[in-house]
Structure formats: C-alpha cells, structure tokens
Amino acid sequence: MRAQGFEHWGVTDIDLHDAEEGLLQWLGAGFHGEMDYMARHGLKRARPAALVPGTVSVLMVALSYRPVQCLAGPSLGRT
C-alpha cells in the first residue's frame, strides 16, 4: 500500500462492538468537526454491515496530511 501513497493500512472483520462506546463519546465531544456524516451515521460507523449491507471485512488506509518538509527534521517546520 505504501506504493499507492498510504503510510499505514489494515484489514479487520466487522465486529467493532467494543468500539461503540468510544465512538459515541468521540461524537459527543464534537471531535468529528465538520464531518457531519459521522454524526448522521452514528453507530453505523461501528456496525459496518448496517452502513453497507453485506459487508464482511473492512480495509483501512491512512494518509498523512503533514507537509513533506515537516517530516524532514525535528524542527517540525519551525525556524
């Protein structure tokens, strides 16, 4: 996946029951910001088969939004 530009990736089954309480707290704290769909979908984010019927696994990818120059050294862009 790194060749496609993703720093991290993983595959999991759809049993995310243990994540439901944390998701509700995260949404309640407003950490979803302007991602209104997160709040609209609610627990469907912890129940993938409810979001997309027939789902049996989930592929997750991570892409850093940090500018490349920040990754180059310990200054993190400071002078």
Protein backbone atom coordinates (compact mmCIF):
# COMPACT_ATOMS: atom_id res chain seq x y z
CA MET A 1 0.00 0.00 0.00
CA ARG A 2 2.94 2.35 0.55
CA ALA A 3 3.46 2.36 -3.22
CA GLN A 4 -0.04 3.83 -3.56
CA GLY A 5 0.86 6.61 -1.10
CA PHE A 6 -0.64 5.24 2.13
CA GLU A 7 1.54 5.21 5.25
CA HIS A 8 -0.48 2.52 7.03
CA TRP A 9 -3.14 0.00 6.17
CA GLY A 10 -5.02 -2.86 7.76
CA VAL A 11 -7.88 -5.31 7.29
CA THR A 12 -10.30 -6.35 10.04
CA ASP A 13 -13.55 -8.18 10.49
CA ILE A 14 -16.68 -6.17 11.25
CA ASP A 15 -17.04 -6.99 14.95
CA LEU A 16 -16.48 -3.48 16.32
CA HIS A 17 -18.84 -3.81 19.28
CA ASP A 18 -16.07 -2.81 21.70
CA ALA A 19 -15.62 0.49 19.82
CA GLU A 20 -19.23 1.67 20.11
CA GLU A 21 -18.94 3.44 23.47
CA GLY A 22 -15.75 5.24 22.42
CA LEU A 23 -17.34 6.30 19.14
CA LEU A 24 -20.35 7.77 20.92
CA GLN A 25 -18.09 9.68 23.32
CA TRP A 26 -15.94 10.92 20.41
CA LEU A 27 -19.02 12.13 18.53
CA GLY A 28 -20.50 13.65 21.70
CA ALA A 29 -17.30 15.63 22.24
CA GLY A 30 -17.59 17.04 18.72
CA PHE A 31 -14.27 15.60 17.56
CA HIS A 32 -15.83 14.84 14.17
CA GLY A 33 -15.63 18.59 13.40
CA GLU A 34 -17.24 19.37 10.04
CA MET A 35 -17.63 15.68 9.12
CA ASP A 36 -21.39 15.83 9.67
CA TYR A 37 -21.86 12.40 8.07
CA MET A 38 -20.10 10.87 11.09
CA ALA A 39 -22.83 12.13 13.42
CA ARG A 40 -25.60 11.30 10.91
CA HIS A 41 -24.40 7.69 10.63
CA GLY A 42 -23.95 7.35 14.40
CA LEU A 43 -23.38 3.76 15.41
CA LYS A 44 -23.33 2.62 11.78
CA ARG A 45 -19.63 3.56 11.89
CA ALA A 46 -19.17 0.80 14.48
CA ARG A 47 -21.56 -1.53 12.64
CA PRO A 48 -20.26 -1.63 9.06
CA ALA A 49 -22.88 -4.13 7.86
CA ALA A 50 -25.58 -1.61 8.88
CA LEU A 51 -23.85 1.07 6.81
CA VAL A 52 -23.23 -1.18 3.78
CA PRO A 53 -25.31 -4.37 3.87
CA GLY A 54 -23.31 -7.50 3.10
CA THR A 55 -20.03 -6.13 4.49
CA VAL A 56 -17.78 -8.90 5.86
CA SER A 57 -14.47 -7.07 6.34
CA VAL A 58 -13.08 -3.55 6.36
CA LEU A 59 -9.95 -2.22 4.66
CA MET A 60 -8.50 0.84 6.39
CA VAL A 61 -5.82 3.13 4.98
CA ALA A 62 -4.02 6.12 6.47
CA LEU A 63 -2.60 9.06 4.57
CA SER A 64 -0.59 11.77 6.31
CA TYR A 65 -1.72 15.33 5.65
CA ARG A 66 1.50 16.66 7.12
CA PRO A 67 3.62 18.60 4.59
CA VAL A 68 6.75 16.74 3.46
CA GLN A 69 9.06 19.46 4.79
CA CYS A 70 7.73 18.78 8.31
CA LEU A 71 8.78 15.15 8.02
CA ALA A 72 12.38 16.06 7.13
CA GLY A 73 13.65 17.12 10.53
CA PRO A 74 13.00 17.64 14.21
CA SER A 75 12.14 21.34 13.82
CA LEU A 76 8.65 20.42 12.58
CA GLY A 77 8.70 23.47 10.34
CA ARG A 78 9.87 25.95 12.97
CA THR A 79 12.84 28.21 12.39
